[in-house]
């Protein structure tokens, strides 16, 4: 797994997937591109296969958190 800083181009990869990750809920508006541009020094992506669930073999978990 690679952990790296967010890049502005990551928005175009992640944004179309957000609603799917939230089971169809309209959540993509909650993550505007400005986070990928202005907070890239303090935002990270863990890139590979995600964190595999030990109880659901076809489930991958993603996490997003913030800190002051």
Foldseek 3Di string as FASTA:
>chain_A
DDKAFAALVVCVVVLVCVCVVVVNPPCSVVDDSCCSVVVRVPHMDDDDQAPADPVDRVDHDDDDDDDD
